[in-house]
Amino acid sequence: MKAVKKKRKSILLRIAAFALAVYLVGSLVNLQLQISAKENELNDLNEQHREQTLKNEDLSALLDSGEDPEYIERMAREMGYVYPDEQVIVAINGN
């Protein structure tokens, strides 16, 4: 009778150990997938940061020089300024 109980305990212990091993392997695989996804997201964000830094540097250089007439004119137009002899036409959408 002890041999049957010992065998049953041994089988249950092996099943529990196997289930634990499967759970741990599954968890490791899941974590690796999450790490990979976050690394890709970080790379994308670093690239966006680099592009924005370059744009900011270009804009700073342009503002510091203050000599680009096209830029100055475009900014003035965005603020509502026009030349004295210009005629402004405002399109109104009549929905």
PDB file of N, CA and C in Angstrom:
ATOM      1  N   MET A   1       0.814  -1.174   0.000  1.00  0.00           N
ATOM      2  CA  MET A   1       0.000   0.000   0.000  1.00  0.00           C
ATOM      3  C   MET A   1       0.870   1.256   0.000  1.00  0.00           C
ATOM      4  N   LYS A   2       1.977   1.221   0.743  1.00  0.00           N
ATOM      5  CA  LYS A   2       2.883   2.357   0.760  1.00  0.00           C
ATOM      6  C   LYS A   2       3.515   2.559  -0.609  1.00  0.00           C
ATOM      7  N   ALA A   3       3.760   1.485  -1.300  1.00  0.00           N
ATOM      8  CA  ALA A   3       4.362   1.581  -2.619  1.00  0.00           C
ATOM      9  C   ALA A   3       3.410   2.271  -3.584  1.00  0.00           C
ATOM     10  N   VAL A   4       2.107   2.007  -3.472  1.00  0.00           N
ATOM     11  CA  VAL A   4       1.117   2.632  -4.344  1.00  0.00           C
ATOM     12  C   VAL A   4       1.022   4.120  -4.032  1.00  0.00           C
ATOM     13  N   LYS A   5       1.013   4.484  -2.727  1.00  0.00           N
ATOM     14  CA  LYS A   5       0.952   5.884  -2.339  1.00  0.00           C
ATOM     15  C   LYS A   5       2.214   6.612  -2.789  1.00  0.00           C
ATOM     16  N   LYS A   6       3.366   5.953  -2.622  1.00  0.00           N
ATOM     17  CA  LYS A   6       4.626   6.574  -3.017  1.00  0.00           C
ATOM     18  C   LYS A   6       4.663   6.765  -4.527  1.00  0.00           C
ATOM     19  N   LYS A   7       4.146   5.787  -5.272  1.00  0.00           N
ATOM     20  CA  LYS A   7       4.118   5.894  -6.726  1.00  0.00           C
ATOM     21  C   LYS A   7       3.169   7.010  -7.157  1.00  0.00           C
ATOM     22  N   ARG A   8       2.015   7.113  -6.476  1.00  0.00           N
ATOM     23  CA  ARG A   8       1.041   8.143  -6.792  1.00  0.00           C
ATOM     24  C   ARG A   8       1.642   9.526  -6.507  1.00  0.00           C
ATOM     25  N   LYS A   9       2.339   9.662  -5.358  1.00  0.00           N
ATOM     26  CA  LYS A   9       2.976  10.924  -5.024  1.00  0.00           C
ATOM     27  C   LYS A   9       4.053  11.267  -6.042  1.00  0.00           C
ATOM     28  N   SER A  10       4.784  10.262  -6.468  1.00  0.00           N
ATOM     29  CA  SER A  10       5.851  10.471  -7.442  1.00  0.00           C
ATOM     30  C   SER A  10       5.278  10.958  -8.777  1.00  0.00           C
ATOM     31  N   ILE A  11       4.175  10.365  -9.204  1.00  0.00           N
ATOM     32  CA  ILE A  11       3.535  10.763 -10.462  1.00  0.00           C
ATOM     33  C   ILE A  11       2.978  12.180 -10.337  1.00  0.00           C
ATOM     34  N   LEU A  12       2.320  12.469  -9.205  1.00  0.00           N
ATOM     35  CA  LEU A  12       1.777  13.803  -8.986  1.00  0.00           C
ATOM     36  C   LEU A  12       2.904  14.836  -8.933  1.00  0.00           C
ATOM     37  N   LEU A  13       4.009  14.484  -8.304  1.00  0.00           N
ATOM     38  CA  LEU A  13       5.149  15.392  -8.227  1.00  0.00           C
ATOM     39  C   LEU A  13       5.730  15.647  -9.618  1.00  0.00           C
ATOM     40  N   ARG A  14       5.822  14.616 -10.416  1.00  0.00           N
ATOM     41  CA  ARG A  14       6.334  14.784 -11.787  1.00  0.00           C
ATOM     42  C   ARG A  14       5.383  15.649 -12.623  1.00  0.00           C
ATOM     43  N   ILE A  15       4.085  15.440 -12.471  1.00  0.00           N
ATOM     44  CA  ILE A  15       3.107  16.236 -13.210  1.00  0.00           C
ATOM     45  C   ILE A  15       3.192  17.696 -12.774  1.00  0.00           C
ATOM     46  N   ALA A  16       3.299  17.914 -11.475  1.00  0.00           N
ATOM     47  CA  ALA A  16       3.401  19.285 -10.965  1.00  0.00           C
ATOM     48  C   ALA A  16       4.694  19.944 -11.455  1.00  0.00           C
ATOM     49  N   ALA A  17       5.802  19.215 -11.449  1.00  0.00           N
ATOM     50  CA  ALA A  17       7.077  19.756 -11.925  1.00  0.00           C
ATOM     51  C   ALA A  17       7.004  20.064 -13.411  1.00  0.00           C
ATOM     52  N   PHE A  18       6.370  19.192 -14.178  1.00  0.00           N
ATOM     53  CA  PHE A  18       6.221  19.417 -15.613  1.00  0.00           C
ATOM     54  C   PHE A  18       5.344  20.646 -15.876  1.00  0.00           C
ATOM     55  N   ALA A  19       4.242  20.755 -15.130  1.00  0.00           N
ATOM     56  CA  ALA A  19       3.350  21.902 -15.299  1.00  0.00           C
ATOM     57  C   ALA A  19       4.090  23.196 -14.946  1.00  0.00           C
ATOM     58  N   LEU A  20       4.874  23.170 -13.888  1.00  0.00           N
ATOM     59  CA  LEU A  20       5.652  24.343 -13.501  1.00  0.00           C
ATOM     60  C   LEU A  20       6.664  24.694 -14.586  1.00  0.00           C
ATOM     61  N   ALA A  21       7.329  23.691 -15.131  1.00  0.00           N
ATOM     62  CA  ALA A  21       8.307  23.935 -16.197  1.00  0.00           C
ATOM     63  C   ALA A  21       7.632  24.532 -17.433  1.00  0.00           C
ATOM     64  N   VAL A  22       6.479  24.012 -17.804  1.00  0.00           N
ATOM     65  CA  VAL A  22       5.749  24.540 -18.960  1.00  0.00           C
ATOM     66  C   VAL A  22       5.337  25.989 -18.700  1.00  0.00           C
ATOM     67  N   TYR A  23       4.857  26.264 -17.490  1.00  0.00           N
ATOM     68  CA  TYR A  23       4.461  27.624 -17.133  1.00  0.00           C
ATOM     69  C   TYR A  23       5.656  28.572 -17.206  1.00  0.00           C
ATOM     70  N   LEU A  24       6.789  28.159 -16.661  1.00  0.00           N
ATOM     71  CA  LEU A  24       7.984  29.008 -16.672  1.00  0.00           C
ATOM     72  C   LEU A  24       8.487  29.263 -18.091  1.00  0.00           C
ATOM     73  N   VAL A  25       8.487  28.243 -18.916  1.00  0.00           N
ATOM     74  CA  VAL A  25       8.925  28.423 -20.305  1.00  0.00           C
ATOM     75  C   VAL A  25       7.964  29.352 -21.035  1.00  0.00           C
ATOM     76  N   GLY A  26       6.681  29.172 -20.824  1.00  0.00           N
ATOM     77  CA  GLY A  26       5.692  30.056 -21.446  1.00  0.00           C
ATOM     78  C   GLY A  26       5.862  31.491 -20.985  1.00  0.00           C
ATOM     79  N   SER A  27       6.118  31.675 -19.707  1.00  0.00           N
ATOM     80  CA  SER A  27       6.333  33.029 -19.183  1.00  0.00           C
ATOM     81  C   SER A  27       7.583  33.655 -19.791  1.00  0.00           C
ATOM     82  N   LEU A  28       8.648  32.891 -19.908  1.00  0.00           N
ATOM     83  CA  LEU A  28       9.880  33.408 -20.501  1.00  0.00           C
ATOM     84  C   LEU A  28       9.674  33.807 -21.957  1.00  0.00           C
ATOM     85  N   VAL A  29       8.969  32.991 -22.701  1.00  0.00           N
ATOM     86  CA  VAL A  29       8.701  33.308 -24.107  1.00  0.00           C
ATOM     87  C   VAL A  29       7.856  34.579 -24.204  1.00  0.00           C
ATOM     88  N   ASN A  30       6.847  34.683 -23.360  1.00  0.00           N
ATOM     89  CA  ASN A  30       5.990  35.867 -23.359  1.00  0.00           C
ATOM     90  C   ASN A  30       6.800  37.115 -23.012  1.00  0.00           C
ATOM     91  N   LEU A  31       7.658  37.030 -22.024  1.00  0.00           N
ATOM     92  CA  LEU A  31       8.490  38.172 -21.647  1.00  0.00           C
ATOM     93  C   LEU A  31       9.450  38.563 -22.763  1.00  0.00           C
ATOM     94  N   GLN A  32      10.010  37.585 -23.443  1.00  0.00           N
ATOM     95  CA  GLN A  32      10.908  37.886 -24.560  1.00  0.00           C
ATOM     96  C   GLN A  32      10.166  38.616 -25.672  1.00  0.00           C
ATOM     97  N   LEU A  33       8.938  38.199 -25.946  1.00  0.00           N
ATOM     98  CA  LEU A  33       8.134  38.874 -26.968  1.00  0.00           C
ATOM     99  C   LEU A  33       7.822  40.306 -26.552  1.00  0.00           C
ATOM    100  N   GLN A  34       7.508  40.527 -25.278  1.00  0.00           N
ATOM    101  CA  GLN A  34       7.246  41.874 -24.790  1.00  0.00           C
ATOM    102  C   GLN A  34       8.493  42.743 -24.868  1.00  0.00           C
ATOM    103  N   ILE A  35       9.637  42.180 -24.522  1.00  0.00           N
ATOM    104  CA  ILE A  35      10.892  42.927 -24.597  1.00  0.00           C
ATOM    105  C   ILE A  35      11.184  43.328 -26.034  1.00  0.00           C
ATOM    106  N   SER A  36      10.984  42.400 -26.950  1.00  0.00           N
ATOM    107  CA  SER A  36      11.225  42.683 -28.360  1.00  0.00           C
ATOM    108  C   SER A  36      10.304  43.792 -28.868  1.00  0.00           C
ATOM    109  N   ALA A  37       9.043  43.743 -28.494  1.00  0.00           N
ATOM    110  CA  ALA A  37       8.091  44.772 -28.919  1.00  0.00           C
ATOM    111  C   ALA A  37       8.477  46.132 -28.349  1.00  0.00           C
ATOM    112  N   LYS A  38       8.873  46.165 -27.094  1.00  0.00           N
ATOM    113  CA  LYS A  38       9.257  47.432 -26.465  1.00  0.00           C
ATOM    114  C   LYS A  38      10.560  47.966 -27.061  1.00  0.00           C
ATOM    115  N   GLU A  39      11.483  47.095 -27.431  1.00  0.00           N
ATOM    116  CA  GLU A  39      12.714  47.540 -28.085  1.00  0.00           C
ATOM    117  C   GLU A  39      12.397  48.178 -29.440  1.00  0.00           C
ATOM    118  N   ASN A  40      11.481  47.572 -30.188  1.00  0.00           N
ATOM    119  CA  ASN A  40      11.069  48.154 -31.466  1.00  0.00           C
ATOM    120  C   ASN A  40      10.402  49.508 -31.258  1.00  0.00           C
ATOM    121  N   GLU A  41       9.563  49.604 -30.238  1.00  0.00           N
ATOM    122  CA  GLU A  41       8.902  50.869 -29.935  1.00  0.00           C
ATOM    123  C   GLU A  41       9.928  51.932 -29.537  1.00  0.00           C
ATOM    124  N   LEU A  42      10.921  51.526 -28.755  1.00  0.00           N
ATOM    125  CA  LEU A  42      11.975  52.456 -28.351  1.00  0.00           C
ATOM    126  C   LEU A  42      12.776  52.931 -29.551  1.00  0.00           C
ATOM    127  N   ASN A  43      13.091  52.029 -30.463  1.00  0.00           N
ATOM    128  CA  ASN A  43      13.821  52.412 -31.674  1.00  0.00           C
ATOM    129  C   ASN A  43      13.025  53.410 -32.507  1.00  0.00           C
ATOM    130  N   ASP A  44      11.716  53.176 -32.634  1.00  0.00           N
ATOM    131  CA  ASP A  44      10.863  54.108 -33.382  1.00  0.00           C
ATOM    132  C   ASP A  44      10.837  55.483 -32.712  1.00  0.00           C
ATOM    133  N   LEU A  45      10.712  55.487 -31.393  1.00  0.00           N
ATOM    134  CA  LEU A  45      10.682  56.759 -30.674  1.00  0.00           C
ATOM    135  C   LEU A  45      12.023  57.483 -30.758  1.00  0.00           C
ATOM    136  N   ASN A  46      13.115  56.732 -30.708  1.00  0.00           N
ATOM    137  CA  ASN A  46      14.434  57.362 -30.855  1.00  0.00           C
ATOM    138  C   ASN A  46      14.590  57.984 -32.242  1.00  0.00           C
ATOM    139  N   GLU A  47      14.072  57.320 -33.253  1.00  0.00           N
ATOM    140  CA  GLU A  47      14.141  57.852 -34.612  1.00  0.00           C
ATOM    141  C   GLU A  47      13.300  59.127 -34.732  1.00  0.00           C
ATOM    142  N   GLN A  48      12.099  59.108 -34.150  1.00  0.00           N
ATOM    143  CA  GLN A  48      11.256  60.307 -34.172  1.00  0.00           C
ATOM    144  C   GLN A  48      11.943  61.456 -33.428  1.00  0.00           C
ATOM    145  N   HIS A  49      12.580  61.137 -32.320  1.00  0.00           N
ATOM    146  CA  HIS A  49      13.287  62.156 -31.542  1.00  0.00           C
ATOM    147  C   HIS A  49      14.430  62.750 -32.359  1.00  0.00           C
ATOM    148  N   ARG A  50      15.161  61.896 -33.043  1.00  0.00           N
ATOM    149  CA  ARG A  50      16.280  62.371 -33.858  1.00  0.00           C
ATOM    150  C   ARG A  50      15.789  63.282 -34.979  1.00  0.00           C
ATOM    151  N   GLU A  51      14.700  62.879 -35.656  1.00  0.00           N
ATOM    152  CA  GLU A  51      14.143  63.699 -36.737  1.00  0.00           C
ATOM    153  C   GLU A  51      13.653  65.043 -36.206  1.00  0.00           C
ATOM    154  N   GLN A  52      12.983  65.027 -35.066  1.00  0.00           N
ATOM    155  CA  GLN A  52      12.474  66.280 -34.500  1.00  0.00           C
ATOM    156  C   GLN A  52      13.619  67.175 -34.056  1.00  0.00           C
ATOM    157  N   THR A  53      14.688  66.590 -33.523  1.00  0.00           N
ATOM    158  CA  THR A  53      15.854  67.376 -33.121  1.00  0.00           C
ATOM    159  C   THR A  53      16.478  68.061 -34.333  1.00  0.00           C
ATOM    160  N   LEU A  54      16.564  67.345 -35.447  1.00  0.00           N
ATOM    161  CA  LEU A  54      17.104  67.941 -36.664  1.00  0.00           C
ATOM    162  C   LEU A  54      16.208  69.084 -37.154  1.00  0.00           C
ATOM    163  N   LYS A  55      14.891  68.876 -37.118  1.00  0.00           N
ATOM    164  CA  LYS A  55      13.970  69.948 -37.533  1.00  0.00           C
ATOM    165  C   LYS A  55      14.123  71.165 -36.624  1.00  0.00           C
ATOM    166  N   ASN A  56      14.246  70.919 -35.321  1.00  0.00           N
ATOM    167  CA  ASN A  56      14.394  72.025 -34.376  1.00  0.00           C
ATOM    168  C   ASN A  56      15.696  72.787 -34.619  1.00  0.00           C
ATOM    169  N   GLU A  57      16.758  72.061 -34.914  1.00  0.00           N
ATOM    170  CA  GLU A  57      18.033  72.717 -35.196  1.00  0.00           C
ATOM    171  C   GLU A  57      17.938  73.568 -36.455  1.00  0.00           C
ATOM    172  N   ASP A  58      17.269  73.046 -37.485  1.00  0.00           N
ATOM    173  CA  ASP A  58      17.085  73.811 -38.716  1.00  0.00           C
ATOM    174  C   ASP A  58      16.269  75.081 -38.461  1.00  0.00           C
ATOM    175  N   LEU A  59      15.197  74.937 -37.704  1.00  0.00           N
ATOM    176  CA  LEU A  59      14.367  76.103 -37.403  1.00  0.00           C
ATOM    177  C   LEU A  59      15.116  77.119 -36.547  1.00  0.00           C
ATOM    178  N   SER A  60      15.899  76.645 -35.599  1.00  0.00           N
ATOM    179  CA  SER A  60      16.681  77.559 -34.759  1.00  0.00           C
ATOM    180  C   SER A  60      17.696  78.320 -35.591  1.00  0.00           C
ATOM    181  N   ALA A  61      18.357  77.605 -36.490  1.00  0.00           N
ATOM    182  CA  ALA A  61      19.340  78.271 -37.357  1.00  0.00           C
ATOM    183  C   ALA A  61      18.652  79.301 -38.238  1.00  0.00           C
ATOM    184  N   LEU A  62      17.484  78.970 -38.736  1.00  0.00           N
ATOM    185  CA  LEU A  62      16.736  79.891 -39.587  1.00  0.00           C
ATOM    186  C   LEU A  62      16.290  81.123 -38.800  1.00  0.00           C
ATOM    187  N   LEU A  63      15.811  80.908 -37.598  1.00  0.00           N
ATOM    188  CA  LEU A  63      15.391  82.038 -36.766  1.00  0.00           C
ATOM    189  C   LEU A  63      16.576  82.892 -36.339  1.00  0.00           C
ATOM    190  N   ASP A  64      17.689  82.253 -36.029  1.00  0.00           N
ATOM    191  CA  ASP A  64      18.875  82.993 -35.612  1.00  0.00           C
ATOM    192  C   ASP A  64      19.409  83.865 -36.739  1.00  0.00           C
ATOM    193  N   SER A  65      19.336  83.341 -37.961  1.00  0.00           N
ATOM    194  CA  SER A  65      19.846  84.128 -39.085  1.00  0.00           C
ATOM    195  C   SER A  65      18.898  85.291 -39.385  1.00  0.00           C
ATOM    196  N   GLY A  66      17.595  85.039 -39.334  1.00  0.00           N
ATOM    197  CA  GLY A  66      16.598  86.078 -39.566  1.00  0.00           C
ATOM    198  C   GLY A  66      16.694  86.721 -40.932  1.00  0.00           C
ATOM    199  N   GLU A  67      17.311  86.061 -41.871  1.00  0.00           N
ATOM    200  CA  GLU A  67      17.546  86.656 -43.174  1.00  0.00           C
ATOM    201  C   GLU A  67      16.787  85.991 -44.304  1.00  0.00           C
ATOM    202  N   ASP A  68      16.020  84.972 -44.030  1.00  0.00           N
ATOM    203  CA  ASP A  68      15.297  84.272 -45.091  1.00  0.00           C
ATOM    204  C   ASP A  68      13.989  85.015 -45.371  1.00  0.00           C
ATOM    205  N   PRO A  69      13.932  85.765 -46.473  1.00  0.00           N
ATOM    206  CA  PRO A  69      12.730  86.573 -46.737  1.00  0.00           C
ATOM    207  C   PRO A  69      11.477  85.732 -46.969  1.00  0.00           C
ATOM    208  N   GLU A  70      11.614  84.566 -47.576  1.00  0.00           N
ATOM    209  CA  GLU A  70      10.445  83.726 -47.812  1.00  0.00           C
ATOM    210  C   GLU A  70       9.850  83.257 -46.482  1.00  0.00           C
ATOM    211  N   TYR A  71      10.713  82.886 -45.567  1.00  0.00           N
ATOM    212  CA  TYR A  71      10.241  82.427 -44.263  1.00  0.00           C
ATOM    213  C   TYR A  71       9.568  83.577 -43.510  1.00  0.00           C
ATOM    214  N   ILE A  72      10.194  84.730 -43.520  1.00  0.00           N
ATOM    215  CA  ILE A  72       9.630  85.886 -42.837  1.00  0.00           C
ATOM    216  C   ILE A  72       8.270  86.248 -43.433  1.00  0.00           C
ATOM    217  N   GLU A  73       8.165  86.223 -44.758  1.00  0.00           N
ATOM    218  CA  GLU A  73       6.899  86.537 -45.415  1.00  0.00           C
ATOM    219  C   GLU A  73       5.825  85.517 -45.071  1.00  0.00           C
ATOM    220  N   ARG A  74       6.174  84.256 -45.080  1.00  0.00           N
ATOM    221  CA  ARG A  74       5.211  83.199 -44.767  1.00  0.00           C
ATOM    222  C   ARG A  74       4.710  83.337 -43.321  1.00  0.00           C
ATOM    223  N   MET A  75       5.631  83.590 -42.407  1.00  0.00           N
ATOM    224  CA  MET A  75       5.227  83.762 -41.007  1.00  0.00           C
ATOM    225  C   MET A  75       4.329  84.992 -40.847  1.00  0.00           C
ATOM    226  N   ALA A  76       4.647  86.078 -41.546  1.00  0.00           N
ATOM    227  CA  ALA A  76       3.816  87.287 -41.472  1.00  0.00           C
ATOM    228  C   ALA A  76       2.426  87.014 -42.022  1.00  0.00           C
ATOM    229  N   ARG A  77       2.327  86.271 -43.098  1.00  0.00           N
ATOM    230  CA  ARG A  77       1.019  85.947 -43.682  1.00  0.00           C
ATOM    231  C   ARG A  77       0.201  85.081 -42.720  1.00  0.00           C
ATOM    232  N   GLU A  78       0.870  84.156 -42.045  1.00  0.00           N
ATOM    233  CA  GLU A  78       0.163  83.313 -41.086  1.00  0.00           C
ATOM    234  C   GLU A  78      -0.375  84.146 -39.923  1.00  0.00           C
ATOM    235  N   MET A  79       0.267  85.253 -39.634  1.00  0.00           N
ATOM    236  CA  MET A  79      -0.192  86.124 -38.548  1.00  0.00           C
ATOM    237  C   MET A  79      -1.189  87.168 -39.045  1.00  0.00           C
ATOM    238  N   GLY A  80      -1.516  87.139 -40.345  1.00  0.00           N
ATOM    239  CA  GLY A  80      -2.547  88.013 -40.879  1.00  0.00           C
ATOM    240  C   GLY A  80      -2.027  89.271 -41.551  1.00  0.00           C
ATOM    241  N   TYR A  81      -0.729  89.427 -41.662  1.00  0.00           N
ATOM    242  CA  TYR A  81      -0.178  90.617 -42.310  1.00  0.00           C
ATOM    243  C   TYR A  81      -0.163  90.442 -43.822  1.00  0.00           C
ATOM    244  N   VAL A  82      -0.389  91.558 -44.552  1.00  0.00           N
ATOM    245  CA  VAL A  82      -0.332  91.554 -46.013  1.00  0.00           C
ATOM    246  C   VAL A  82       0.390  92.823 -46.466  1.00  0.00           C
ATOM    247  N   TYR A  83       0.760  92.845 -47.734  1.00  0.00           N
ATOM    248  CA  TYR A  83       1.357  94.054 -48.295  1.00  0.00           C
ATOM    249  C   TYR A  83       0.276  95.121 -48.441  1.00  0.00           C
ATOM    250  N   PRO A  84       0.645  96.391 -48.383  1.00  0.00           N
ATOM    251  CA  PRO A  84      -0.355  97.457 -48.462  1.00  0.00           C
ATOM    252  C   PRO A  84      -1.161  97.439 -49.759  1.00  0.00           C
ATOM    253  N   ASP A  85      -0.571  97.025 -50.861  1.00  0.00           N
ATOM    254  CA  ASP A  85      -1.288  97.055 -52.132  1.00  0.00           C
ATOM    255  C   ASP A  85      -1.949  95.716 -52.473  1.00  0.00           C
ATOM    256  N   GLU A  86      -1.940  94.763 -51.539  1.00  0.00           N
ATOM    257  CA  GLU A  86      -2.544  93.448 -51.788  1.00  0.00           C
ATOM    258  C   GLU A  86      -4.030  93.472 -51.481  1.00  0.00           C
ATOM    259  N   GLN A  87      -4.758  92.669 -52.250  1.00  0.00           N
ATOM    260  CA  GLN A  87      -6.179  92.503 -52.000  1.00  0.00           C
ATOM    261  C   GLN A  87      -6.368  91.112 -51.407  1.00  0.00           C
ATOM    262  N   VAL A  88      -6.989  91.032 -50.249  1.00  0.00           N
ATOM    263  CA  VAL A  88      -7.172  89.763 -49.550  1.00  0.00           C
ATOM    264  C   VAL A  88      -8.564  89.238 -49.846  1.00  0.00           C
ATOM    265  N   ILE A  89      -8.632  87.988 -50.250  1.00  0.00           N
ATOM    266  CA  ILE A  89      -9.900  87.335 -50.523  1.00  0.00           C
ATOM    267  C   ILE A  89     -10.049  86.192 -49.520  1.00  0.00           C
ATOM    268  N   VAL A  90     -11.135  86.214 -48.788  1.00  0.00           N
ATOM    269  CA  VAL A  90     -11.384  85.171 -47.784  1.00  0.00           C
ATOM    270  C   VAL A  90     -12.487  84.295 -48.310  1.00  0.00           C
ATOM    271  N   ALA A  91     -12.199  83.003 -48.432  1.00  0.00           N
ATOM    272  CA  ALA A  91     -13.197  82.052 -48.915  1.00  0.00           C
ATOM    273  C   ALA A  91     -14.051  81.592 -47.746  1.00  0.00           C
ATOM    274  N   ILE A  92     -15.368  81.694 -47.902  1.00  0.00           N
ATOM    275  CA  ILE A  92     -16.293  81.270 -46.862  1.00  0.00           C
ATOM    276  C   ILE A  92     -17.067  80.081 -47.417  1.00  0.00           C
ATOM    277  N   ASN A  93     -17.027  78.987 -46.703  1.00  0.00           N
ATOM    278  CA  ASN A  93     -17.723  77.777 -47.113  1.00  0.00           C
ATOM    279  C   ASN A  93     -19.145  77.857 -46.577  1.00  0.00           C
ATOM    280  N   GLY A  94     -20.140  77.889 -47.453  1.00  0.00           N
ATOM    281  CA  GLY A  94     -21.545  78.056 -47.042  1.00  0.00           C
ATOM    282  C   GLY A  94     -22.274  76.744 -46.891  1.00  0.00           C
ATOM    283  N   ASN A  95     -21.930  75.953 -45.950  1.00  0.00           N
ATOM    284  CA  ASN A  95     -22.633  74.680 -45.722  1.00  0.00           C
ATOM    285  C   ASN A  95     -23.937  74.919 -45.092  1.00  0.00           C
TER     286      ASN A  95
END
